[in-house]
Amino acid sequence: MPMNSAMERTIEVNPEDVSRESAAFWLSLGFNRVSMGIQSLDDSELSAVGRRHTARQALDAISTLRAAGFGNISCDLIYGLPGQTLASWRRSLGILLEQRPEHLSAYSLGYEPGTRLTAMLQAGKITAVDDDTCAEMYSELCAAAACAGFEHYEISNFAVPGMRSRHNASYWDFTPYLGLGPGAHSLDCNNVRRSSPSDIGKWLSDGAAIEEETASERLNDRIITGLRTASGLDTGVLDPAEAEGVLIRAGQYLQSGRLLLEGSVLRIPEQYWIVSDAIMCDLLAD
């Protein structure tokens, strides 16, 4: 059966996975979008976080994907990497934007418990980039992406007009989705969430489990996903009592301009997305 040519079919790859043969194979399977984890275009920064590719390999991978016929490429970058400076971040960002990917995702490095990077940080082998520098990096990101013609449609995501990630957007606007396999999550038409265990044995024996959410948890899901995006949170779709509670809790931020209310839509202006976690936490229901 022929596939719908308008359907987004994404494969996630690393630069070292890309060759003329692999790109042609992915295209033959029906993939029309590639999401690639570049993270940095500075070799010392890539080495610091244990990446196997070089900056040259990342750029060559983009060229190879273009030559194979991919017209929709998304690239990931990370800011706040060990040893990264504002100048090196500008260089990575500038070089990547010159390649004209259709989509860009950029994330602040987080140090998670039990990871190699966290162990290195605790041992004093690396130094974390300070919060003020990370905030400057985020501002540089927003300005450079806008100058290159990208829409900033979610805290960490940018796209040229018409090329927003449909897959990601489904999470933020509560479009039902089906996740298959160990560790997968799903959302059905009745807003019921299901999660599968990561252990393959338990997945084979137990399958997916229903996640029992309270009314407050469902409301908080909408607050967090809505306020992450440029579209904001439409309080008009909430229960009237829930909407009233959200707007009361939003009062201080509306007065300071860190939240805007346009009709029934509540949103965080782009310049405050860097501190959005604090704002959203204050809006959550108990």
C-alpha atoms as a PDB file:
ATOM      1  CA  MET A   1       0.000   0.000   0.000  1.00  0.00           C
ATOM      2  CA  PRO A   2       1.529   3.397  -0.936  1.00  0.00           C
ATOM      3  CA  MET A   3       2.338   5.723   1.933  1.00  0.00           C
ATOM      4  CA  ASN A   4       0.779   9.146   2.311  1.00  0.00           C
ATOM      5  CA  SER A   5       3.462  11.494   0.986  1.00  0.00           C
ATOM      6  CA  ALA A   6       2.327  14.221   3.403  1.00  0.00           C
ATOM      7  CA  MET A   7       2.879  11.966   6.422  1.00  0.00           C
ATOM      8  CA  GLU A   8       5.915  12.739   8.585  1.00  0.00           C
ATOM      9  CA  ARG A   9       8.130   9.676   9.021  1.00  0.00           C
ATOM     10  CA  THR A  10      11.214  10.437  11.102  1.00  0.00           C
ATOM     11  CA  ILE A  11      14.279   8.353  11.845  1.00  0.00           C
ATOM     12  CA  GLU A  12      16.672   9.426  14.621  1.00  0.00           C
ATOM     13  CA  VAL A  13      20.363   9.009  13.843  1.00  0.00           C
ATOM     14  CA  ASN A  14      23.811  10.099  14.942  1.00  0.00           C
ATOM     15  CA  PRO A  15      26.306  11.588  12.467  1.00  0.00           C
ATOM     16  CA  GLU A  16      28.470   8.470  12.560  1.00  0.00           C
ATOM     17  CA  ASP A  17      25.470   6.414  11.362  1.00  0.00           C
ATOM     18  CA  VAL A  18      25.194   8.365   8.107  1.00  0.00           C
ATOM     19  CA  SER A  19      26.699   7.085   4.856  1.00  0.00           C
ATOM     20  CA  ARG A  20      25.531   7.156   1.249  1.00  0.00           C
ATOM     21  CA  GLU A  21      24.339   3.580   1.661  1.00  0.00           C
ATOM     22  CA  SER A  22      22.489   4.107   4.946  1.00  0.00           C
ATOM     23  CA  ALA A  23      20.842   7.325   3.748  1.00  0.00           C
ATOM     24  CA  ALA A  24      19.613   5.636   0.561  1.00  0.00           C
ATOM     25  CA  PHE A  25      18.333   2.685   2.601  1.00  0.00           C
ATOM     26  CA  TRP A  26      16.382   4.933   5.019  1.00  0.00           C
ATOM     27  CA  LEU A  27      14.824   6.754   2.086  1.00  0.00           C
ATOM     28  CA  SER A  28      13.831   3.447   0.480  1.00  0.00           C
ATOM     29  CA  LEU A  29      12.068   2.423   3.699  1.00  0.00           C
ATOM     30  CA  GLY A  30       9.842   5.479   3.448  1.00  0.00           C
ATOM     31  CA  PHE A  31      11.500   7.825   5.920  1.00  0.00           C
ATOM     32  CA  ASN A  32      11.240  11.450   4.772  1.00  0.00           C
ATOM     33  CA  ARG A  33      12.676  13.249   7.812  1.00  0.00           C
ATOM     34  CA  VAL A  34      15.937  12.730   9.704  1.00  0.00           C
ATOM     35  CA  SER A  35      16.566  13.922  13.253  1.00  0.00           C
ATOM     36  CA  MET A  36      20.284  13.994  14.003  1.00  0.00           C
ATOM     37  CA  GLY A  37      22.041  14.526  17.324  1.00  0.00           C
ATOM     38  CA  ILE A  38      24.934  16.847  16.489  1.00  0.00           C
ATOM     39  CA  GLN A  39      25.136  18.491  19.953  1.00  0.00           C
ATOM     40  CA  SER A  40      28.175  20.668  19.118  1.00  0.00           C
ATOM     41  CA  LEU A  41      30.423  21.620  16.218  1.00  0.00           C
ATOM     42  CA  ASP A  42      33.466  21.947  18.460  1.00  0.00           C
ATOM     43  CA  ASP A  43      35.582  18.795  18.675  1.00  0.00           C
ATOM     44  CA  SER A  44      36.816  19.439  22.230  1.00  0.00           C
ATOM     45  CA  GLU A  45      33.232  19.810  23.469  1.00  0.00           C
ATOM     46  CA  LEU A  46      32.166  16.631  21.680  1.00  0.00           C
ATOM     47  CA  SER A  47      35.063  14.758  23.249  1.00  0.00           C
ATOM     48  CA  ALA A  48      34.188  16.095  26.714  1.00  0.00           C
ATOM     49  CA  VAL A  49      30.756  14.455  26.573  1.00  0.00           C
ATOM     50  CA  GLY A  50      31.949  11.235  24.959  1.00  0.00           C
ATOM     51  CA  ARG A  51      30.475  11.715  21.499  1.00  0.00           C
ATOM     52  CA  ARG A  52      31.967   9.493  18.792  1.00  0.00           C
ATOM     53  CA  HIS A  53      31.668  11.903  15.875  1.00  0.00           C
ATOM     54  CA  THR A  54      33.635  15.021  14.968  1.00  0.00           C
ATOM     55  CA  ALA A  55      32.351  18.368  13.760  1.00  0.00           C
ATOM     56  CA  ARG A  56      33.509  17.517  10.234  1.00  0.00           C
ATOM     57  CA  GLN A  57      31.598  14.234  10.292  1.00  0.00           C
ATOM     58  CA  ALA A  58      28.432  16.057  11.381  1.00  0.00           C
ATOM     59  CA  LEU A  59      28.653  18.533   8.518  1.00  0.00           C
ATOM     60  CA  ASP A  60      29.457  15.758   6.039  1.00  0.00           C
ATOM     61  CA  ALA A  61      26.431  13.821   7.314  1.00  0.00           C
ATOM     62  CA  ILE A  62      24.134  16.763   6.502  1.00  0.00           C
ATOM     63  CA  SER A  63      25.607  16.948   2.990  1.00  0.00           C
ATOM     64  CA  THR A  64      25.187  13.195   2.519  1.00  0.00           C
ATOM     65  CA  LEU A  65      21.537  13.309   3.607  1.00  0.00           C
ATOM     66  CA  ARG A  66      20.867  16.187   1.204  1.00  0.00           C
ATOM     67  CA  ALA A  67      22.530  14.348  -1.663  1.00  0.00           C
ATOM     68  CA  ALA A  68      20.405  11.280  -0.911  1.00  0.00           C
ATOM     69  CA  GLY A  69      17.234  13.358  -1.286  1.00  0.00           C
ATOM     70  CA  PHE A  70      16.201  14.244   2.258  1.00  0.00           C
ATOM     71  CA  GLY A  71      14.450  17.611   2.259  1.00  0.00           C
ATOM     72  CA  ASN A  72      13.580  17.646   5.945  1.00  0.00           C
ATOM     73  CA  ILE A  73      16.489  17.514   8.383  1.00  0.00           C
ATOM     74  CA  SER A  74      16.316  18.297  12.090  1.00  0.00           C
ATOM     75  CA  CYS A  75      19.505  18.856  14.081  1.00  0.00           C
ATOM     76  CA  ASP A  76      20.013  18.859  17.848  1.00  0.00           C
ATOM     77  CA  LEU A  77      22.457  21.088  19.714  1.00  0.00           C
ATOM     78  CA  ILE A  78      23.261  21.308  23.426  1.00  0.00           C
ATOM     79  CA  TYR A  79      24.362  24.427  25.284  1.00  0.00           C
ATOM     80  CA  GLY A  80      26.062  24.452  28.678  1.00  0.00           C
ATOM     81  CA  LEU A  81      28.514  21.704  27.683  1.00  0.00           C
ATOM     82  CA  PRO A  82      31.723  21.296  29.742  1.00  0.00           C
ATOM     83  CA  GLY A  83      34.309  23.747  28.443  1.00  0.00           C
ATOM     84  CA  GLN A  84      31.796  25.531  26.243  1.00  0.00           C
ATOM     85  CA  THR A  85      31.967  29.322  26.084  1.00  0.00           C
ATOM     86  CA  LEU A  86      29.604  31.895  24.693  1.00  0.00           C
ATOM     87  CA  ALA A  87      31.997  32.320  21.749  1.00  0.00           C
ATOM     88  CA  SER A  88      32.191  28.591  20.968  1.00  0.00           C
ATOM     89  CA  TRP A  89      28.400  28.323  21.234  1.00  0.00           C
ATOM     90  CA  ARG A  90      28.015  31.153  18.741  1.00  0.00           C
ATOM     91  CA  ARG A  91      30.371  29.373  16.356  1.00  0.00           C
ATOM     92  CA  SER A  92      28.507  26.058  16.551  1.00  0.00           C
ATOM     93  CA  LEU A  93      25.168  27.773  16.150  1.00  0.00           C
ATOM     94  CA  GLY A  94      26.347  29.939  13.257  1.00  0.00           C
ATOM     95  CA  ILE A  95      27.946  27.061  11.347  1.00  0.00           C
ATOM     96  CA  LEU A  96      24.871  24.874  11.741  1.00  0.00           C
ATOM     97  CA  LEU A  97      22.432  27.589  10.665  1.00  0.00           C
ATOM     98  CA  GLU A  98      24.523  28.102   7.529  1.00  0.00           C
ATOM     99  CA  GLN A  99      23.623  24.508   6.608  1.00  0.00           C
ATOM    100  CA  ARG A 100      19.924  25.505   6.537  1.00  0.00           C
ATOM    101  CA  PRO A 101      18.347  22.543   8.364  1.00  0.00           C
ATOM    102  CA  GLU A 102      14.561  22.711   8.341  1.00  0.00           C
ATOM    103  CA  HIS A 103      14.356  22.181  12.088  1.00  0.00           C
ATOM    104  CA  LEU A 104      16.565  22.879  15.107  1.00  0.00           C
ATOM    105  CA  SER A 105      16.234  21.588  18.656  1.00  0.00           C
ATOM    106  CA  ALA A 106      18.527  23.024  21.331  1.00  0.00           C
ATOM    107  CA  TYR A 107      18.659  21.883  24.931  1.00  0.00           C
ATOM    108  CA  SER A 108      20.481  22.954  28.061  1.00  0.00           C
ATOM    109  CA  LEU A 109      22.768  20.245  29.412  1.00  0.00           C
ATOM    110  CA  GLY A 110      21.393  18.551  32.503  1.00  0.00           C
ATOM    111  CA  TYR A 111      23.405  16.489  34.977  1.00  0.00           C
ATOM    112  CA  GLU A 112      21.337  13.406  35.792  1.00  0.00           C
ATOM    113  CA  PRO A 113      22.119  11.134  38.788  1.00  0.00           C
ATOM    114  CA  GLY A 114      24.089   8.027  37.912  1.00  0.00           C
ATOM    115  CA  THR A 115      25.470   9.304  34.603  1.00  0.00           C
ATOM    116  CA  ARG A 116      29.119   9.505  33.556  1.00  0.00           C
ATOM    117  CA  LEU A 117      28.960  13.291  33.269  1.00  0.00           C
ATOM    118  CA  THR A 118      27.558  13.676  36.777  1.00  0.00           C
ATOM    119  CA  ALA A 119      30.309  11.444  38.169  1.00  0.00           C
ATOM    120  CA  MET A 120      32.926  13.563  36.387  1.00  0.00           C
ATOM    121  CA  LEU A 121      31.341  16.744  37.741  1.00  0.00           C
ATOM    122  CA  GLN A 122      31.332  15.398  41.300  1.00  0.00           C
ATOM    123  CA  ALA A 123      34.958  14.302  40.940  1.00  0.00           C
ATOM    124  CA  GLY A 124      35.968  17.798  39.815  1.00  0.00           C
ATOM    125  CA  LYS A 125      37.059  16.605  36.371  1.00  0.00           C
ATOM    126  CA  ILE A 126      34.699  19.001  34.617  1.00  0.00           C
ATOM    127  CA  THR A 127      33.060  22.285  35.576  1.00  0.00           C
ATOM    128  CA  ALA A 128      29.426  23.132  34.940  1.00  0.00           C
ATOM    129  CA  VAL A 129      28.652  26.261  32.918  1.00  0.00           C
ATOM    130  CA  ASP A 130      27.057  28.841  35.219  1.00  0.00           C
ATOM    131  CA  ASP A 131      23.372  29.757  34.935  1.00  0.00           C
ATOM    132  CA  ASP A 132      24.010  33.314  33.723  1.00  0.00           C
ATOM    133  CA  THR A 133      26.135  32.064  30.819  1.00  0.00           C
ATOM    134  CA  CYS A 134      23.507  29.459  29.927  1.00  0.00           C
ATOM    135  CA  ALA A 135      20.897  32.215  29.888  1.00  0.00           C
ATOM    136  CA  GLU A 136      23.103  34.247  27.529  1.00  0.00           C
ATOM    137  CA  MET A 137      23.515  31.206  25.302  1.00  0.00           C
ATOM    138  CA  TYR A 138      19.746  30.786  25.149  1.00  0.00           C
ATOM    139  CA  SER A 139      19.308  34.452  24.213  1.00  0.00           C
ATOM    140  CA  GLU A 140      21.915  34.052  21.450  1.00  0.00           C
ATOM    141  CA  LEU A 141      20.062  30.973  20.221  1.00  0.00           C
ATOM    142  CA  CYS A 142      16.715  32.779  20.033  1.00  0.00           C
ATOM    143  CA  ALA A 143      18.193  35.794  18.232  1.00  0.00           C
ATOM    144  CA  ALA A 144      20.260  33.786  15.734  1.00  0.00           C
ATOM    145  CA  ALA A 145      17.381  31.436  14.885  1.00  0.00           C
ATOM    146  CA  ALA A 146      14.998  34.360  14.350  1.00  0.00           C
ATOM    147  CA  CYS A 147      17.540  36.102  12.111  1.00  0.00           C
ATOM    148  CA  ALA A 148      17.805  32.895  10.055  1.00  0.00           C
ATOM    149  CA  GLY A 149      14.020  32.830   9.553  1.00  0.00           C
ATOM    150  CA  PHE A 150      13.093  30.168  12.080  1.00  0.00           C
ATOM    151  CA  GLU A 151       9.870  30.157  14.102  1.00  0.00           C
ATOM    152  CA  HIS A 152      10.412  29.601  17.822  1.00  0.00           C
ATOM    153  CA  TYR A 153       7.372  27.440  18.453  1.00  0.00           C
ATOM    154  CA  GLU A 154       8.368  25.640  21.669  1.00  0.00           C
ATOM    155  CA  ILE A 155      10.943  26.321  24.380  1.00  0.00           C
ATOM    156  CA  SER A 156      13.613  24.132  22.767  1.00  0.00           C
ATOM    157  CA  ASN A 157      12.342  23.868  19.195  1.00  0.00           C
ATOM    158  CA  PHE A 158      12.698  26.056  16.104  1.00  0.00           C
ATOM    159  CA  ALA A 159      11.533  25.452  12.528  1.00  0.00           C
ATOM    160  CA  VAL A 160      11.419  27.195   9.202  1.00  0.00           C
ATOM    161  CA  PRO A 161       7.779  28.042   8.369  1.00  0.00           C
ATOM    162  CA  GLY A 162       5.743  24.950   7.590  1.00  0.00           C
ATOM    163  CA  MET A 163       8.334  22.505   8.969  1.00  0.00           C
ATOM    164  CA  ARG A 164       7.392  22.157  12.631  1.00  0.00           C
ATOM    165  CA  SER A 165       7.760  18.649  14.013  1.00  0.00           C
ATOM    166  CA  ARG A 166       4.353  16.980  13.838  1.00  0.00           C
ATOM    167  CA  HIS A 167       5.508  14.207  16.142  1.00  0.00           C
ATOM    168  CA  ASN A 168       6.573  16.573  18.923  1.00  0.00           C
ATOM    169  CA  ALA A 169       3.510  18.780  18.504  1.00  0.00           C
ATOM    170  CA  SER A 170       1.219  15.804  19.147  1.00  0.00           C
ATOM    171  CA  TYR A 171       2.534  15.619  22.722  1.00  0.00           C
ATOM    172  CA  TRP A 172       1.959  19.304  23.356  1.00  0.00           C
ATOM    173  CA  ASP A 173      -1.586  19.547  21.987  1.00  0.00           C
ATOM    174  CA  PHE A 174      -2.822  16.208  23.381  1.00  0.00           C
ATOM    175  CA  THR A 175      -3.248  14.497  20.010  1.00  0.00           C
ATOM    176  CA  PRO A 176      -3.661  10.749  20.707  1.00  0.00           C
ATOM    177  CA  TYR A 177      -0.546   8.699  19.930  1.00  0.00           C
ATOM    178  CA  LEU A 178       0.443   5.050  20.076  1.00  0.00           C
ATOM    179  CA  GLY A 179       3.768   3.889  21.479  1.00  0.00           C
ATOM    180  CA  LEU A 180       4.904   0.317  20.789  1.00  0.00           C
ATOM    181  CA  GLY A 181       7.615  -1.683  22.540  1.00  0.00           C
ATOM    182  CA  PRO A 182       9.389  -1.666  25.918  1.00  0.00           C
ATOM    183  CA  GLY A 183       9.411   1.752  27.600  1.00  0.00           C
ATOM    184  CA  ALA A 184       6.811   3.176  25.198  1.00  0.00           C
ATOM    185  CA  HIS A 185       4.001   5.500  26.255  1.00  0.00           C
ATOM    186  CA  SER A 186       0.605   6.089  24.633  1.00  0.00           C
ATOM    187  CA  LEU A 187      -2.320   8.489  24.912  1.00  0.00           C
ATOM    188  CA  ASP A 188      -5.719   7.388  23.632  1.00  0.00           C
ATOM    189  CA  CYS A 189      -8.767   9.334  22.470  1.00  0.00           C
ATOM    190  CA  ASN A 190     -10.166   9.409  26.011  1.00  0.00           C
ATOM    191  CA  ASN A 191      -6.991  11.017  27.393  1.00  0.00           C
ATOM    192  CA  VAL A 192      -6.023   7.753  29.081  1.00  0.00           C
ATOM    193  CA  ARG A 193      -2.262   7.281  29.321  1.00  0.00           C
ATOM    194  CA  ARG A 194      -0.560   3.902  29.081  1.00  0.00           C
ATOM    195  CA  SER A 195       3.047   3.038  29.824  1.00  0.00           C
ATOM    196  CA  SER A 196       5.056  -0.082  29.025  1.00  0.00           C
ATOM    197  CA  PRO A 197       7.834  -1.363  31.309  1.00  0.00           C
ATOM    198  CA  SER A 198      11.360  -0.868  29.997  1.00  0.00           C
ATOM    199  CA  ASP A 199      12.297  -4.440  30.909  1.00  0.00           C
ATOM    200  CA  ILE A 200      11.581  -6.578  27.835  1.00  0.00           C
ATOM    201  CA  GLY A 201      10.594  -9.604  29.944  1.00  0.00           C
ATOM    202  CA  LYS A 202       8.003  -7.636  31.895  1.00  0.00           C
ATOM    203  CA  TRP A 203       6.804  -6.022  28.680  1.00  0.00           C
ATOM    204  CA  LEU A 204       6.259  -9.433  27.069  1.00  0.00           C
ATOM    205  CA  SER A 205       4.430 -10.789  30.098  1.00  0.00           C
ATOM    206  CA  ASP A 206       2.508  -7.745  31.353  1.00  0.00           C
ATOM    207  CA  GLY A 207       2.119  -5.392  28.397  1.00  0.00           C
ATOM    208  CA  ALA A 208       1.207  -1.750  28.941  1.00  0.00           C
ATOM    209  CA  ALA A 209      -0.312  -0.477  32.186  1.00  0.00           C
ATOM    210  CA  ILE A 210      -2.879   2.282  32.525  1.00  0.00           C
ATOM    211  CA  GLU A 211      -1.534   5.341  34.309  1.00  0.00           C
ATOM    212  CA  GLU A 212      -4.227   6.465  36.733  1.00  0.00           C
ATOM    213  CA  GLU A 213      -4.204  10.266  36.691  1.00  0.00           C
ATOM    214  CA  THR A 214      -6.141  12.484  39.056  1.00  0.00           C
ATOM    215  CA  ALA A 215      -8.005  15.562  37.790  1.00  0.00           C
ATOM    216  CA  SER A 216      -5.191  17.741  39.182  1.00  0.00           C
ATOM    217  CA  GLU A 217      -2.550  15.713  37.371  1.00  0.00           C
ATOM    218  CA  ARG A 218      -4.436  16.011  34.078  1.00  0.00           C
ATOM    219  CA  LEU A 219      -4.749  19.766  34.587  1.00  0.00           C
ATOM    220  CA  ASN A 220      -1.047  20.059  35.383  1.00  0.00           C
ATOM    221  CA  ASP A 221      -0.207  18.133  32.209  1.00  0.00           C
ATOM    222  CA  ARG A 222      -2.106  20.750  30.200  1.00  0.00           C
ATOM    223  CA  ILE A 223      -0.455  23.649  32.020  1.00  0.00           C
ATOM    224  CA  ILE A 224       3.066  22.333  31.446  1.00  0.00           C
ATOM    225  CA  THR A 225       2.596  21.271  27.823  1.00  0.00           C
ATOM    226  CA  GLY A 226       0.638  24.399  26.863  1.00  0.00           C
ATOM    227  CA  LEU A 227       2.993  26.932  28.404  1.00  0.00           C
ATOM    228  CA  ARG A 228       6.014  25.299  26.743  1.00  0.00           C
ATOM    229  CA  THR A 229       4.718  26.471  23.372  1.00  0.00           C
ATOM    230  CA  ALA A 230       4.229  29.721  21.503  1.00  0.00           C
ATOM    231  CA  SER A 231       0.528  28.813  21.221  1.00  0.00           C
ATOM    232  CA  GLY A 232       0.175  28.892  24.990  1.00  0.00           C
ATOM    233  CA  LEU A 233      -2.503  27.414  27.233  1.00  0.00           C
ATOM    234  CA  ASP A 234      -6.117  27.943  26.173  1.00  0.00           C
ATOM    235  CA  THR A 235      -7.924  28.251  29.495  1.00  0.00           C
ATOM    236  CA  GLY A 236     -11.189  28.101  27.553  1.00  0.00           C
ATOM    237  CA  VAL A 237     -10.846  24.321  27.168  1.00  0.00           C
ATOM    238  CA  LEU A 238     -10.503  23.838  30.923  1.00  0.00           C
ATOM    239  CA  ASP A 239     -13.246  23.295  33.452  1.00  0.00           C
ATOM    240  CA  PRO A 240     -14.378  26.820  34.525  1.00  0.00           C
ATOM    241  CA  ALA A 241     -13.279  26.263  38.120  1.00  0.00           C
ATOM    242  CA  GLU A 242      -9.879  24.980  36.963  1.00  0.00           C
ATOM    243  CA  ALA A 243      -9.444  27.951  34.623  1.00  0.00           C
ATOM    244  CA  GLU A 244     -10.308  30.389  37.411  1.00  0.00           C
ATOM    245  CA  GLY A 245      -7.738  28.768  39.696  1.00  0.00           C
ATOM    246  CA  VAL A 246      -5.021  28.958  37.040  1.00  0.00           C
ATOM    247  CA  LEU A 247      -5.716  32.637  36.372  1.00  0.00           C
ATOM    248  CA  ILE A 248      -5.687  33.466  40.088  1.00  0.00           C
ATOM    249  CA  ARG A 249      -2.309  31.750  40.495  1.00  0.00           C
ATOM    250  CA  ALA A 250      -1.079  33.562  37.383  1.00  0.00           C
ATOM    251  CA  GLY A 251      -1.879  36.989  38.836  1.00  0.00           C
ATOM    252  CA  GLN A 252       1.611  38.055  39.904  1.00  0.00           C
ATOM    253  CA  TYR A 253       3.099  36.987  36.564  1.00  0.00           C
ATOM    254  CA  LEU A 254       0.417  38.782  34.570  1.00  0.00           C
ATOM    255  CA  GLN A 255       1.187  41.973  36.471  1.00  0.00           C
ATOM    256  CA  SER A 256       4.940  41.634  35.860  1.00  0.00           C
ATOM    257  CA  GLY A 257       4.529  40.764  32.168  1.00  0.00           C
ATOM    258  CA  ARG A 258       6.031  37.304  32.533  1.00  0.00           C
ATOM    259  CA  LEU A 259       2.671  35.929  31.467  1.00  0.00           C
ATOM    260  CA  LEU A 260       0.320  37.352  28.856  1.00  0.00           C
ATOM    261  CA  LEU A 261      -3.430  36.747  28.611  1.00  0.00           C
ATOM    262  CA  GLU A 262      -4.815  37.178  25.100  1.00  0.00           C
ATOM    263  CA  GLY A 263      -8.518  36.323  25.116  1.00  0.00           C
ATOM    264  CA  SER A 264      -8.593  32.984  26.904  1.00  0.00           C
ATOM    265  CA  VAL A 265      -5.005  32.063  25.969  1.00  0.00           C
ATOM    266  CA  LEU A 266      -2.285  32.282  28.574  1.00  0.00           C
ATOM    267  CA  ARG A 267       1.295  32.248  27.345  1.00  0.00           C
ATOM    268  CA  ILE A 268       4.841  33.003  28.418  1.00  0.00           C
ATOM    269  CA  PRO A 269       6.667  35.598  26.257  1.00  0.00           C
ATOM    270  CA  GLU A 270       9.769  34.210  24.559  1.00  0.00           C
ATOM    271  CA  GLN A 271      12.189  36.298  26.638  1.00  0.00           C
ATOM    272  CA  TYR A 272      10.952  34.514  29.779  1.00  0.00           C
ATOM    273  CA  TRP A 273      11.027  30.937  28.456  1.00  0.00           C
ATOM    274  CA  ILE A 274      14.457  30.519  30.040  1.00  0.00           C
ATOM    275  CA  VAL A 275      12.750  30.783  33.469  1.00  0.00           C
ATOM    276  CA  SER A 276       9.534  29.031  32.443  1.00  0.00           C
ATOM    277  CA  ASP A 277       9.966  26.140  34.880  1.00  0.00           C
ATOM    278  CA  ALA A 278       9.595  28.478  37.859  1.00  0.00           C
ATOM    279  CA  ILE A 279       6.532  30.144  36.336  1.00  0.00           C
ATOM    280  CA  MET A 280       4.823  26.862  35.491  1.00  0.00           C
ATOM    281  CA  CYS A 281       5.499  25.411  38.944  1.00  0.00           C
ATOM    282  CA  ASP A 282       3.643  28.303  40.556  1.00  0.00           C
ATOM    283  CA  LEU A 283       0.621  27.668  38.326  1.00  0.00           C
ATOM    284  CA  LEU A 284       0.268  23.954  39.068  1.00  0.00           C
ATOM    285  CA  ALA A 285      -2.720  22.657  40.989  1.00  0.00           C
ATOM    286  CA  ASP A 286      -2.148  20.954  44.338  1.00  0.00           C
END
